[in-house]
C-alpha atoms as a PDB file:
ATOM      1  CA  UNK A   1       0.000   0.000   0.000  1.00  0.00           C
ATOM      2  CA  UNK A   2       1.297   3.456  -0.957  1.00  0.00           C
ATOM      3  CA  UNK A   3       2.536   5.763   1.810  1.00  0.00           C
ATOM      4  CA  UNK A   4       2.491   9.548   1.497  1.00  0.00           C
ATOM      5  CA  UNK A   5       5.972  11.027   2.016  1.00  0.00           C
ATOM      6  CA  UNK A   6       5.524  14.687   1.079  1.00  0.00           C
ATOM      7  CA  UNK A   7       2.103  16.227   0.475  1.00  0.00           C
ATOM      8  CA  UNK A   8       3.604  19.433  -0.955  1.00  0.00           C
ATOM      9  CA  UNK A   9       5.496  17.513  -3.665  1.00  0.00           C
ATOM     10  CA  UNK A  10       2.832  14.746  -3.946  1.00  0.00           C
ATOM     11  CA  UNK A  11       5.435  12.075  -3.266  1.00  0.00           C
ATOM     12  CA  UNK A  12       4.315   8.552  -2.391  1.00  0.00           C
ATOM     13  CA  UNK A  13       6.318   5.437  -1.668  1.00  0.00           C
ATOM     14  CA  UNK A  14       5.610   1.736  -1.791  1.00  0.00           C
ATOM     15  CA  UNK A  15       7.747  -1.065  -0.356  1.00  0.00           C
ATOM     16  CA  UNK A  16       8.500  -3.811  -2.866  1.00  0.00           C
ATOM     17  CA  UNK A  17      10.075  -6.169  -0.338  1.00  0.00           C
ATOM     18  CA  UNK A  18      11.852  -6.524   3.009  1.00  0.00           C
ATOM     19  CA  UNK A  19      14.661  -9.054   3.175  1.00  0.00           C
ATOM     20  CA  UNK A  20      16.317 -10.582   6.259  1.00  0.00           C
ATOM     21  CA  UNK A  21      19.872 -11.842   6.539  1.00  0.00           C
ATOM     22  CA  UNK A  22      21.556 -13.606   9.457  1.00  0.00           C
ATOM     23  CA  UNK A  23      25.208 -13.691  10.485  1.00  0.00           C
ATOM     24  CA  UNK A  24      26.347 -16.473  12.802  1.00  0.00           C
ATOM     25  CA  UNK A  25      28.576 -15.151  15.564  1.00  0.00           C
ATOM     26  CA  UNK A  26      29.960 -16.583  18.787  1.00  0.00           C
ATOM     27  CA  UNK A  27      26.878 -15.655  20.826  1.00  0.00           C
ATOM     28  CA  UNK A  28      24.333 -16.881  18.269  1.00  0.00           C
ATOM     29  CA  UNK A  29      22.865 -15.357  15.117  1.00  0.00           C
ATOM     30  CA  UNK A  30      22.758 -11.637  14.379  1.00  0.00           C
ATOM     31  CA  UNK A  31      19.940 -10.474  12.083  1.00  0.00           C
ATOM     32  CA  UNK A  32      19.900  -7.504   9.745  1.00  0.00           C
ATOM     33  CA  UNK A  33      17.242  -6.266   7.316  1.00  0.00           C
ATOM     34  CA  UNK A  34      17.210  -4.640   3.896  1.00  0.00           C
ATOM     35  CA  UNK A  35      14.316  -2.984   2.044  1.00  0.00           C
ATOM     36  CA  UNK A  36      13.592  -2.097  -1.587  1.00  0.00           C
ATOM     37  CA  UNK A  37      11.366   0.989  -1.952  1.00  0.00           C
ATOM     38  CA  UNK A  38       9.917   2.815  -4.970  1.00  0.00           C
ATOM     39  CA  UNK A  39       9.102   6.551  -4.679  1.00  0.00           C
ATOM     40  CA  UNK A  40       7.163   8.577  -7.258  1.00  0.00           C
ATOM     41  CA  UNK A  41       4.801  11.506  -7.739  1.00  0.00           C
ATOM     42  CA  UNK A  42       2.434   9.743 -10.187  1.00  0.00           C
ATOM     43  CA  UNK A  43       3.169  12.539 -12.620  1.00  0.00           C
ATOM     44  CA  UNK A  44       6.081  11.166 -14.644  1.00  0.00           C
ATOM     45  CA  UNK A  45       8.863  10.895 -12.020  1.00  0.00           C
ATOM     46  CA  UNK A  46       9.972   7.770 -10.159  1.00  0.00           C
ATOM     47  CA  UNK A  47      13.031   6.439  -8.325  1.00  0.00           C
ATOM     48  CA  UNK A  48      14.101   3.293  -6.469  1.00  0.00           C
ATOM     49  CA  UNK A  49      16.132   2.954  -3.271  1.00  0.00           C
ATOM     50  CA  UNK A  50      17.760   0.111  -1.338  1.00  0.00           C
ATOM     51  CA  UNK A  51      18.580   0.463   2.358  1.00  0.00           C
ATOM     52  CA  UNK A  52      20.040  -1.766   5.089  1.00  0.00           C
ATOM     53  CA  UNK A  53      19.729  -1.566   8.887  1.00  0.00           C
ATOM     54  CA  UNK A  54      19.362  -3.690  11.996  1.00  0.00           C
ATOM     55  CA  UNK A  55      15.645  -2.826  12.207  1.00  0.00           C
ATOM     56  CA  UNK A  56      12.953  -2.849   9.510  1.00  0.00           C
ATOM     57  CA  UNK A  57      11.703   0.778   9.957  1.00  0.00           C
ATOM     58  CA  UNK A  58      15.242   2.137   9.742  1.00  0.00           C
ATOM     59  CA  UNK A  59      15.936   0.133   6.585  1.00  0.00           C
ATOM     60  CA  UNK A  60      12.761   1.435   4.911  1.00  0.00           C
ATOM     61  CA  UNK A  61      13.590   5.026   5.883  1.00  0.00           C
ATOM     62  CA  UNK A  62      17.073   4.746   4.368  1.00  0.00           C
ATOM     63  CA  UNK A  63      15.631   3.297   1.163  1.00  0.00           C
ATOM     64  CA  UNK A  64      13.074   6.112   0.889  1.00  0.00           C
ATOM     65  CA  UNK A  65      15.768   8.788   1.220  1.00  0.00           C
ATOM     66  CA  UNK A  66      17.873   7.124  -1.464  1.00  0.00           C
ATOM     67  CA  UNK A  67      14.882   6.783  -3.794  1.00  0.00           C
ATOM     68  CA  UNK A  68      14.053  10.495  -3.440  1.00  0.00           C
ATOM     69  CA  UNK A  69      17.635  11.388  -4.427  1.00  0.00           C
ATOM     70  CA  UNK A  70      17.565   9.102  -7.483  1.00  0.00           C
ATOM     71  CA  UNK A  71      14.206  10.153  -8.941  1.00  0.00           C
ATOM     72  CA  UNK A  72      14.153  10.466 -12.746  1.00  0.00           C
ATOM     73  CA  UNK A  73      11.549  11.795 -15.179  1.00  0.00           C
ATOM     74  CA  UNK A  74      10.175   9.649 -18.019  1.00  0.00           C
ATOM     75  CA  UNK A  75       7.862  10.549 -20.949  1.00  0.00           C
ATOM     76  CA  UNK A  76       4.213   9.465 -20.950  1.00  0.00           C
ATOM     77  CA  UNK A  77       1.401   9.586 -23.503  1.00  0.00           C
ATOM     78  CA  UNK A  78      -1.821  10.170 -21.634  1.00  0.00           C
ATOM     79  CA  UNK A  79      -2.126   7.388 -19.081  1.00  0.00           C
ATOM     80  CA  UNK A  80       0.192   4.928 -20.846  1.00  0.00           C
ATOM     81  CA  UNK A  81       3.689   4.762 -22.379  1.00  0.00           C
ATOM     82  CA  UNK A  82       4.465   6.197 -25.838  1.00  0.00           C
ATOM     83  CA  UNK A  83       5.578   2.946 -27.481  1.00  0.00           C
ATOM     84  CA  UNK A  84       6.557  -0.654 -26.874  1.00  0.00           C
ATOM     85  CA  UNK A  85       9.875  -1.227 -25.137  1.00  0.00           C
ATOM     86  CA  UNK A  86      11.924  -3.993 -23.467  1.00  0.00           C
ATOM     87  CA  UNK A  87      14.035  -3.491 -20.333  1.00  0.00           C
ATOM     88  CA  UNK A  88      16.864  -5.765 -19.241  1.00  0.00           C
ATOM     89  CA  UNK A  89      18.806  -6.226 -16.047  1.00  0.00           C
ATOM     90  CA  UNK A  90      20.818  -9.341 -15.311  1.00  0.00           C
ATOM     91  CA  UNK A  91      18.762 -12.391 -16.276  1.00  0.00           C
ATOM     92  CA  UNK A  92      15.455 -10.425 -16.202  1.00  0.00           C
ATOM     93  CA  UNK A  93      13.713  -9.184 -19.341  1.00  0.00           C
ATOM     94  CA  UNK A  94      10.519  -7.120 -19.004  1.00  0.00           C
ATOM     95  CA  UNK A  95       8.364  -6.196 -21.995  1.00  0.00           C
ATOM     96  CA  UNK A  96       6.200  -3.055 -21.613  1.00  0.00           C
ATOM     97  CA  UNK A  97       3.321  -2.636 -24.083  1.00  0.00           C
ATOM     98  CA  UNK A  98       1.020   0.422 -24.258  1.00  0.00           C
ATOM     99  CA  UNK A  99      -2.696  -0.254 -23.760  1.00  0.00           C
ATOM    100  CA  UNK A 100      -5.943   1.581 -24.470  1.00  0.00           C
ATOM    101  CA  UNK A 101      -7.693   3.490 -21.657  1.00  0.00           C
ATOM    102  CA  UNK A 102      -9.547   1.265 -19.211  1.00  0.00           C
ATOM    103  CA  UNK A 103      -7.176  -1.710 -19.501  1.00  0.00           C
ATOM    104  CA  UNK A 104      -5.340  -1.145 -16.215  1.00  0.00           C
ATOM    105  CA  UNK A 105      -1.872  -2.368 -15.299  1.00  0.00           C
ATOM    106  CA  UNK A 106      -1.513  -6.064 -16.087  1.00  0.00           C
ATOM    107  CA  UNK A 107       1.616  -6.959 -14.121  1.00  0.00           C
ATOM    108  CA  UNK A 108       2.940  -8.636 -11.021  1.00  0.00           C
ATOM    109  CA  UNK A 109       3.715  -6.881  -7.756  1.00  0.00           C
ATOM    110  CA  UNK A 110       7.376  -6.114  -8.516  1.00  0.00           C
ATOM    111  CA  UNK A 111       6.679  -4.726 -12.015  1.00  0.00           C
ATOM    112  CA  UNK A 112       3.483  -2.934 -10.960  1.00  0.00           C
ATOM    113  CA  UNK A 113       5.115  -0.840  -8.193  1.00  0.00           C
ATOM    114  CA  UNK A 114       7.301   1.446 -10.385  1.00  0.00           C
ATOM    115  CA  UNK A 115       4.593   1.773 -13.041  1.00  0.00           C
ATOM    116  CA  UNK A 116       1.977   2.926 -10.512  1.00  0.00           C
ATOM    117  CA  UNK A 117       4.359   5.381  -8.831  1.00  0.00           C
ATOM    118  CA  UNK A 118       5.211   6.795 -12.273  1.00  0.00           C
ATOM    119  CA  UNK A 119       1.538   7.522 -12.989  1.00  0.00           C
ATOM    120  CA  UNK A 120       0.837   4.842 -15.612  1.00  0.00           C
ATOM    121  CA  UNK A 121      -2.717   3.482 -15.457  1.00  0.00           C
ATOM    122  CA  UNK A 122      -2.937   1.359 -18.624  1.00  0.00           C
ATOM    123  CA  UNK A 123      -0.093  -0.974 -19.588  1.00  0.00           C
ATOM    124  CA  UNK A 124       0.497  -4.611 -20.541  1.00  0.00           C
ATOM    125  CA  UNK A 125       3.648  -6.347 -19.315  1.00  0.00           C
ATOM    126  CA  UNK A 126       5.438  -9.648 -19.746  1.00  0.00           C
ATOM    127  CA  UNK A 127       8.559 -10.798 -17.896  1.00  0.00           C
ATOM    128  CA  UNK A 128      11.071 -13.360 -19.142  1.00  0.00           C
ATOM    129  CA  UNK A 129      13.917 -15.167 -17.424  1.00  0.00           C
ATOM    130  CA  UNK A 130      14.574 -14.666 -13.726  1.00  0.00           C
ATOM    131  CA  UNK A 131      11.745 -13.677 -11.386  1.00  0.00           C
ATOM    132  CA  UNK A 132      13.954 -11.965  -8.781  1.00  0.00           C
ATOM    133  CA  UNK A 133      12.003  -8.964  -7.470  1.00  0.00           C
ATOM    134  CA  UNK A 134      15.021  -6.660  -7.159  1.00  0.00           C
ATOM    135  CA  UNK A 135      16.156  -7.294 -10.734  1.00  0.00           C
ATOM    136  CA  UNK A 136      12.602  -6.979 -12.117  1.00  0.00           C
ATOM    137  CA  UNK A 137      12.248  -3.474 -10.685  1.00  0.00           C
ATOM    138  CA  UNK A 138      15.612  -2.460 -12.155  1.00  0.00           C
ATOM    139  CA  UNK A 139      14.642  -3.977 -15.521  1.00  0.00           C
ATOM    140  CA  UNK A 140      11.469  -1.856 -15.552  1.00  0.00           C
ATOM    141  CA  UNK A 141      13.538   1.272 -14.863  1.00  0.00           C
ATOM    142  CA  UNK A 142      15.866   0.297 -17.708  1.00  0.00           C
ATOM    143  CA  UNK A 143      12.908  -0.071 -20.067  1.00  0.00           C
ATOM    144  CA  UNK A 144      11.423   3.270 -19.003  1.00  0.00           C
ATOM    145  CA  UNK A 145      14.787   4.908 -19.708  1.00  0.00           C
ATOM    146  CA  UNK A 146      14.558   3.730 -23.335  1.00  0.00           C
ATOM    147  CA  UNK A 147      11.260   5.571 -23.954  1.00  0.00           C
ATOM    148  CA  UNK A 148      11.202   8.499 -26.387  1.00  0.00           C
ATOM    149  CA  UNK A 149       8.293  10.894 -26.705  1.00  0.00           C
ATOM    150  CA  UNK A 150       6.933  12.037 -30.067  1.00  0.00           C
ATOM    151  CA  UNK A 151       8.187  15.592 -29.493  1.00  0.00           C
ATOM    152  CA  UNK A 152      11.714  14.317 -28.776  1.00  0.00           C
ATOM    153  CA  UNK A 153      11.846  12.269 -31.977  1.00  0.00           C
ATOM    154  CA  UNK A 154      10.509  15.191 -34.046  1.00  0.00           C
ATOM    155  CA  UNK A 155      13.151  17.542 -32.652  1.00  0.00           C
ATOM    156  CA  UNK A 156      15.969  15.029 -33.265  1.00  0.00           C
ATOM    157  CA  UNK A 157      14.917  14.239 -36.830  1.00  0.00           C
ATOM    158  CA  UNK A 158      13.680  17.676 -37.765  1.00  0.00           C
ATOM    159  CA  UNK A 159      10.422  16.340 -39.228  1.00  0.00           C
ATOM    160  CA  UNK A 160       6.720  16.356 -38.317  1.00  0.00           C
ATOM    161  CA  UNK A 161       5.295  12.920 -37.528  1.00  0.00           C
ATOM    162  CA  UNK A 162       1.732  11.731 -37.991  1.00  0.00           C
ATOM    163  CA  UNK A 163      -0.359  10.661 -34.996  1.00  0.00           C
ATOM    164  CA  UNK A 164       0.958   7.432 -33.538  1.00  0.00           C
ATOM    165  CA  UNK A 165      -1.051   4.266 -33.012  1.00  0.00           C
ATOM    166  CA  UNK A 166      -1.182   4.924 -29.265  1.00  0.00           C
ATOM    167  CA  UNK A 167      -2.611   8.413 -29.817  1.00  0.00           C
ATOM    168  CA  UNK A 168      -5.267   6.985 -32.152  1.00  0.00           C
ATOM    169  CA  UNK A 169      -6.276   4.431 -29.502  1.00  0.00           C
ATOM    170  CA  UNK A 170      -6.600   7.179 -26.898  1.00  0.00           C
ATOM    171  CA  UNK A 171      -8.679   9.347 -29.246  1.00  0.00           C
ATOM    172  CA  UNK A 172     -11.040   6.510 -30.161  1.00  0.00           C
ATOM    173  CA  UNK A 173     -11.639   5.480 -26.564  1.00  0.00           C
ATOM    174  CA  UNK A 174     -12.146   9.050 -25.315  1.00  0.00           C
ATOM    175  CA  UNK A 175     -15.794   8.844 -26.412  1.00  0.00           C
ATOM    176  CA  UNK A 176     -16.398   6.108 -23.827  1.00  0.00           C
ATOM    177  CA  UNK A 177     -15.023   8.174 -20.925  1.00  0.00           C
ATOM    178  CA  UNK A 178     -17.387  11.134 -20.616  1.00  0.00           C
ATOM    179  CA  UNK A 179     -17.283  13.115 -17.393  1.00  0.00           C
ATOM    180  CA  UNK A 180     -20.757  14.633 -17.874  1.00  0.00           C
ATOM    181  CA  UNK A 181     -22.586  11.343 -17.571  1.00  0.00           C
ATOM    182  CA  UNK A 182     -25.165  11.594 -14.817  1.00  0.00           C
ATOM    183  CA  UNK A 183     -24.976   8.901 -12.152  1.00  0.00           C
ATOM    184  CA  UNK A 184     -27.655   6.265 -12.158  1.00  0.00           C
ATOM    185  CA  UNK A 185     -30.427   6.791  -9.598  1.00  0.00           C
ATOM    186  CA  UNK A 186     -30.027   4.841  -6.424  1.00  0.00           C
ATOM    187  CA  UNK A 187     -32.261   1.812  -6.150  1.00  0.00           C
ATOM    188  CA  UNK A 188     -34.314   1.473  -2.969  1.00  0.00           C
ATOM    189  CA  UNK A 189     -33.091  -1.120  -0.580  1.00  0.00           C
ATOM    190  CA  UNK A 190     -35.207  -4.237  -0.260  1.00  0.00           C
ATOM    191  CA  UNK A 191     -36.593  -4.976   3.209  1.00  0.00           C
ATOM    192  CA  UNK A 192     -34.640  -7.576   5.149  1.00  0.00           C
ATOM    193  CA  UNK A 193     -36.030 -11.110   5.000  1.00  0.00           C
ATOM    194  CA  UNK A 194     -38.154 -12.314   7.882  1.00  0.00           C
ATOM    195  CA  UNK A 195     -36.243 -14.452  10.405  1.00  0.00           C
ATOM    196  CA  UNK A 196     -36.693 -18.169  10.057  1.00  0.00           C
ATOM    197  CA  UNK A 197     -39.037 -19.756  12.584  1.00  0.00           C
ATOM    198  CA  UNK A 198     -37.427 -22.073  15.059  1.00  0.00           C
ATOM    199  CA  UNK A 199     -38.801 -24.572  17.474  1.00  0.00           C
ATOM    200  CA  UNK A 200     -40.579 -27.889  17.153  1.00  0.00           C
ATOM    201  CA  UNK A 201     -41.039 -31.059  19.031  1.00  0.00           C
ATOM    202  CA  UNK A 202     -38.499 -31.294  21.817  1.00  0.00           C
ATOM    203  CA  UNK A 203     -36.876 -27.889  20.987  1.00  0.00           C
ATOM    204  CA  UNK A 204     -38.700 -25.666  23.438  1.00  0.00           C
ATOM    205  CA  UNK A 205     -40.824 -22.635  22.658  1.00  0.00           C
ATOM    206  CA  UNK A 206     -40.331 -20.597  19.531  1.00  0.00           C
ATOM    207  CA  UNK A 207     -38.034 -17.747  20.519  1.00  0.00           C
ATOM    208  CA  UNK A 208     -38.240 -15.817  17.239  1.00  0.00           C
ATOM    209  CA  UNK A 209     -42.033 -15.639  17.175  1.00  0.00           C
ATOM    210  CA  UNK A 210     -43.090 -12.100  18.105  1.00  0.00           C
ATOM    211  CA  UNK A 211     -46.136 -11.754  20.406  1.00  0.00           C
ATOM    212  CA  UNK A 212     -49.309 -10.796  18.610  1.00  0.00           C
ATOM    213  CA  UNK A 213     -50.479  -7.224  19.234  1.00  0.00           C
ATOM    214  CA  UNK A 214     -53.464  -6.570  21.426  1.00  0.00           C
ATOM    215  CA  UNK A 215     -55.515  -5.384  18.440  1.00  0.00           C
ATOM    216  CA  UNK A 216     -54.938  -8.647  16.629  1.00  0.00           C
ATOM    217  CA  UNK A 217     -56.312 -10.811  19.455  1.00  0.00           C
ATOM    218  CA  UNK A 218     -59.473 -12.865  19.235  1.00  0.00           C
ATOM    219  CA  UNK A 219     -62.503 -10.898  17.950  1.00  0.00           C
ATOM    220  CA  UNK A 220     -64.351  -8.943  20.611  1.00  0.00           C
ATOM    221  CA  UNK A 221     -67.693 -10.326  21.821  1.00  0.00           C
ATOM    222  CA  UNK A 222     -69.220  -6.975  22.799  1.00  0.00           C
ATOM    223  CA  UNK A 223     -71.454  -6.904  19.745  1.00  0.00           C
ATOM    224  CA  UNK A 224     -72.591 -10.515  20.083  1.00  0.00           C
ATOM    225  CA  UNK A 225     -76.093 -11.044  21.652  1.00  0.00           C
ATOM    226  CA  UNK A 226     -75.986 -12.009  25.276  1.00  0.00           C
ATOM    227  CA  UNK A 227     -77.254 -15.549  25.986  1.00  0.00           C
ATOM    228  CA  UNK A 228     -80.714 -15.741  27.533  1.00  0.00           C
ATOM    229  CA  UNK A 229     -80.826 -16.714  31.191  1.00  0.00           C
ATOM    230  CA  UNK A 230     -82.502 -20.085  31.793  1.00  0.00           C
ATOM    231  CA  UNK A 231     -86.030 -19.972  33.293  1.00  0.00           C
ATOM    232  CA  UNK A 232     -86.139 -20.694  37.029  1.00  0.00           C
ATOM    233  CA  UNK A 233     -87.231 -24.210  37.827  1.00  0.00           C
ATOM    234  CA  UNK A 234     -90.590 -24.576  39.625  1.00  0.00           C
ATOM    235  CA  UNK A 235     -90.362 -25.543  43.243  1.00  0.00           C
ATOM    236  CA  UNK A 236     -91.236 -29.118  43.895  1.00  0.00           C
ATOM    237  CA  UNK A 237     -94.557 -29.172  45.872  1.00  0.00           C
ATOM    238  CA  UNK A 238     -96.732 -32.032  47.017  1.00  0.00           C
ATOM    239  CA  UNK A 239     -99.842 -32.367  44.834  1.00  0.00           C
ATOM    240  CA  UNK A 240    -103.085 -31.396  46.505  1.00  0.00           C
ATOM    241  CA  UNK A 241    -105.584 -34.285  47.157  1.00  0.00           C
ATOM    242  CA  UNK A 242    -108.582 -34.378  44.909  1.00  0.00           C
ATOM    243  CA  UNK A 243    -111.864 -32.977  46.111  1.00  0.00           C
ATOM    244  CA  UNK A 244    -114.289 -35.422  47.660  1.00  0.00           C
ATOM    245  CA  UNK A 245    -111.611 -37.714  48.957  1.00  0.00           C
ATOM    246  CA  UNK A 246    -111.501 -36.996  52.634  1.00  0.00           C
ATOM    247  CA  UNK A 247    -109.514 -39.327  54.769  1.00  0.00           C
ATOM    248  CA  UNK A 248    -109.675 -39.757  58.459  1.00  0.00           C
ATOM    249  CA  UNK A 249    -106.563 -38.473  59.968  1.00  0.00           C
ATOM    250  CA  UNK A 250    -107.276 -39.855  63.427  1.00  0.00           C
END
């Protein structure tokens, strides 16, 4: 991740790698660290630095200071390089190919770092031979040093050149990158799904079931007709004897 070094100069740095070495001494092993850092302003200038120290932060700080001293300026065409070029360092060969806007940087971490700090946003790369990170970064710097802008070639030859293939690609794709395009309206968020019901036989009560509101309870019975009260039962009395049947009670 890029780290801001100087906001006034728009300098940023990224650490390509931190390497540890050990020296065996009488009391054990003594460790030291080295760091490879790339510093650039993303405006056409970039530099690399290599620092060593007994601690990692000190090694990175040394590398950043060296990279700031060794910054160089390279030509760009829009957001890509002017033409195809190959950089070499040791057993590493890196091929840099210009790309149309929107392609991005197609590269590994070691090759991507100097290109991003330089300000390139569209570029195709291919590495051959050794995959050593230190040599890959130096091979990229060697390839960038071989770049020549159209204005430089015209001044050296004393002629006027036609638009290059890279410039034609940039002009054709400019129609697809309009800044006045209105953003799409935001879509309303869908309501969250209802929680799944839990519970069952032997699992206890359902914890997720919300209690029903008071208004949703059983229908009120205020409007229903009241049940009629049952008629009182007649008291059980002994039947009166019929007339004309008089019995002697003595």
